[in-house]
Amino acid sequence: MRALPKTRCRADEYLAFENASSEKHEYVAGEIFAMVGATRRHNAIAGNLYSAPESLQVGRLVAKLGR
């Protein structure tokens, strides 16, 4: 199997393509890459990981205040 040659596109071409597509893509240096869809479970885990450091800081602040 041979690899297809890379073709580059302009940002306006990408935006037109993305608006017409049912799937999500990302645009990097003129190339378009398909993005994988996330599940609800994935989003919940990612959200928890994102907010964990802030939650820890709030817990330390409460402990310092003597509550």
C-alpha atoms as a PDB file:
ATOM      1  CA  MET A   1       0.000   0.000   0.000  1.00  0.00           C
ATOM      2  CA  ARG A   2       1.381   3.409  -0.940  1.00  0.00           C
ATOM      3  CA  ALA A   3       0.960   6.516   1.163  1.00  0.00           C
ATOM      4  CA  LEU A   4      -1.044   9.319  -0.369  1.00  0.00           C
ATOM      5  CA  PRO A   5       0.904  12.503  -1.042  1.00  0.00           C
ATOM      6  CA  LYS A   6       0.315  15.237   1.510  1.00  0.00           C
ATOM      7  CA  THR A   7      -1.741  18.110   0.244  1.00  0.00           C
ATOM      8  CA  ARG A   8      -1.930  21.377   2.097  1.00  0.00           C
ATOM      9  CA  CYS A   9      -4.947  23.639   2.276  1.00  0.00           C
ATOM     10  CA  ARG A  10      -5.621  27.197   3.284  1.00  0.00           C
ATOM     11  CA  ALA A  11      -7.437  28.071   6.507  1.00  0.00           C
ATOM     12  CA  ASP A  12     -10.575  29.212   4.646  1.00  0.00           C
ATOM     13  CA  GLU A  13     -10.690  25.880   2.776  1.00  0.00           C
ATOM     14  CA  TYR A  14     -10.374  24.026   6.078  1.00  0.00           C
ATOM     15  CA  LEU A  15     -13.191  26.034   7.657  1.00  0.00           C
ATOM     16  CA  ALA A  16     -15.498  25.315   4.711  1.00  0.00           C
ATOM     17  CA  PHE A  17     -14.594  21.616   4.912  1.00  0.00           C
ATOM     18  CA  GLU A  18     -15.115  21.510   8.685  1.00  0.00           C
ATOM     19  CA  ASN A  19     -18.502  23.249   8.513  1.00  0.00           C
ATOM     20  CA  ALA A  20     -19.725  20.691   5.968  1.00  0.00           C
ATOM     21  CA  SER A  21     -18.340  17.693   7.873  1.00  0.00           C
ATOM     22  CA  SER A  22     -20.201  15.601  10.456  1.00  0.00           C
ATOM     23  CA  GLU A  23     -16.883  14.725  12.132  1.00  0.00           C
ATOM     24  CA  LYS A  24     -14.430  17.037  13.884  1.00  0.00           C
ATOM     25  CA  HIS A  25     -10.963  17.772  12.517  1.00  0.00           C
ATOM     26  CA  GLU A  26      -8.011  19.900  13.487  1.00  0.00           C
ATOM     27  CA  TYR A  27      -5.911  22.090  11.227  1.00  0.00           C
ATOM     28  CA  VAL A  28      -2.135  22.139  11.743  1.00  0.00           C
ATOM     29  CA  ALA A  29       0.256  23.912   9.387  1.00  0.00           C
ATOM     30  CA  GLY A  30      -1.992  23.421   6.375  1.00  0.00           C
ATOM     31  CA  GLU A  31      -2.841  19.788   7.094  1.00  0.00           C
ATOM     32  CA  ILE A  32      -6.171  18.396   8.309  1.00  0.00           C
ATOM     33  CA  PHE A  33      -6.289  15.616  10.896  1.00  0.00           C
ATOM     34  CA  ALA A  34      -9.360  13.721  12.080  1.00  0.00           C
ATOM     35  CA  MET A  35     -10.102  14.022  15.801  1.00  0.00           C
ATOM     36  CA  VAL A  36     -11.366  11.130  17.858  1.00  0.00           C
ATOM     37  CA  GLY A  37     -14.691  11.671  19.594  1.00  0.00           C
ATOM     38  CA  ALA A  38     -14.708  11.583  23.376  1.00  0.00           C
ATOM     39  CA  THR A  39     -17.157   9.593  25.473  1.00  0.00           C
ATOM     40  CA  ARG A  40     -19.020  10.969  28.482  1.00  0.00           C
ATOM     41  CA  ARG A  41     -16.782   8.863  30.712  1.00  0.00           C
ATOM     42  CA  HIS A  42     -13.670  10.361  29.108  1.00  0.00           C
ATOM     43  CA  ASN A  43     -15.012  13.893  29.582  1.00  0.00           C
ATOM     44  CA  ALA A  44     -15.829  13.194  33.248  1.00  0.00           C
ATOM     45  CA  ILE A  45     -12.336  11.853  33.922  1.00  0.00           C
ATOM     46  CA  ALA A  46     -10.683  14.757  32.083  1.00  0.00           C
ATOM     47  CA  GLY A  47     -12.812  17.260  34.011  1.00  0.00           C
ATOM     48  CA  ASN A  48     -11.925  15.651  37.326  1.00  0.00           C
ATOM     49  CA  LEU A  49      -8.214  15.709  36.488  1.00  0.00           C
ATOM     50  CA  TYR A  50      -8.458  19.332  35.411  1.00  0.00           C
ATOM     51  CA  SER A  51     -10.148  20.451  38.632  1.00  0.00           C
ATOM     52  CA  ALA A  52      -8.204  18.229  41.078  1.00  0.00           C
ATOM     53  CA  PRO A  53      -5.305  20.646  41.741  1.00  0.00           C
ATOM     54  CA  GLU A  54      -7.709  23.491  42.497  1.00  0.00           C
ATOM     55  CA  SER A  55      -9.722  21.249  44.818  1.00  0.00           C
ATOM     56  CA  LEU A  56      -6.554  20.358  46.701  1.00  0.00           C
ATOM     57  CA  GLN A  57      -5.651  24.026  47.109  1.00  0.00           C
ATOM     58  CA  VAL A  58      -9.109  24.866  48.447  1.00  0.00           C
ATOM     59  CA  GLY A  59      -8.813  21.984  50.945  1.00  0.00           C
ATOM     60  CA  ARG A  60      -5.460  23.297  52.183  1.00  0.00           C
ATOM     61  CA  LEU A  61      -6.839  26.804  52.552  1.00  0.00           C
ATOM     62  CA  VAL A  62      -9.785  25.545  54.591  1.00  0.00           C
ATOM     63  CA  ALA A  63      -7.404  23.535  56.793  1.00  0.00           C
ATOM     64  CA  LYS A  64      -5.248  26.644  57.391  1.00  0.00           C
ATOM     65  CA  LEU A  65      -8.307  28.641  58.421  1.00  0.00           C
ATOM     66  CA  GLY A  66      -9.116  26.029  61.053  1.00  0.00           C
ATOM     67  CA  ARG A  67     -12.390  24.793  59.600  1.00  0.00           C
END
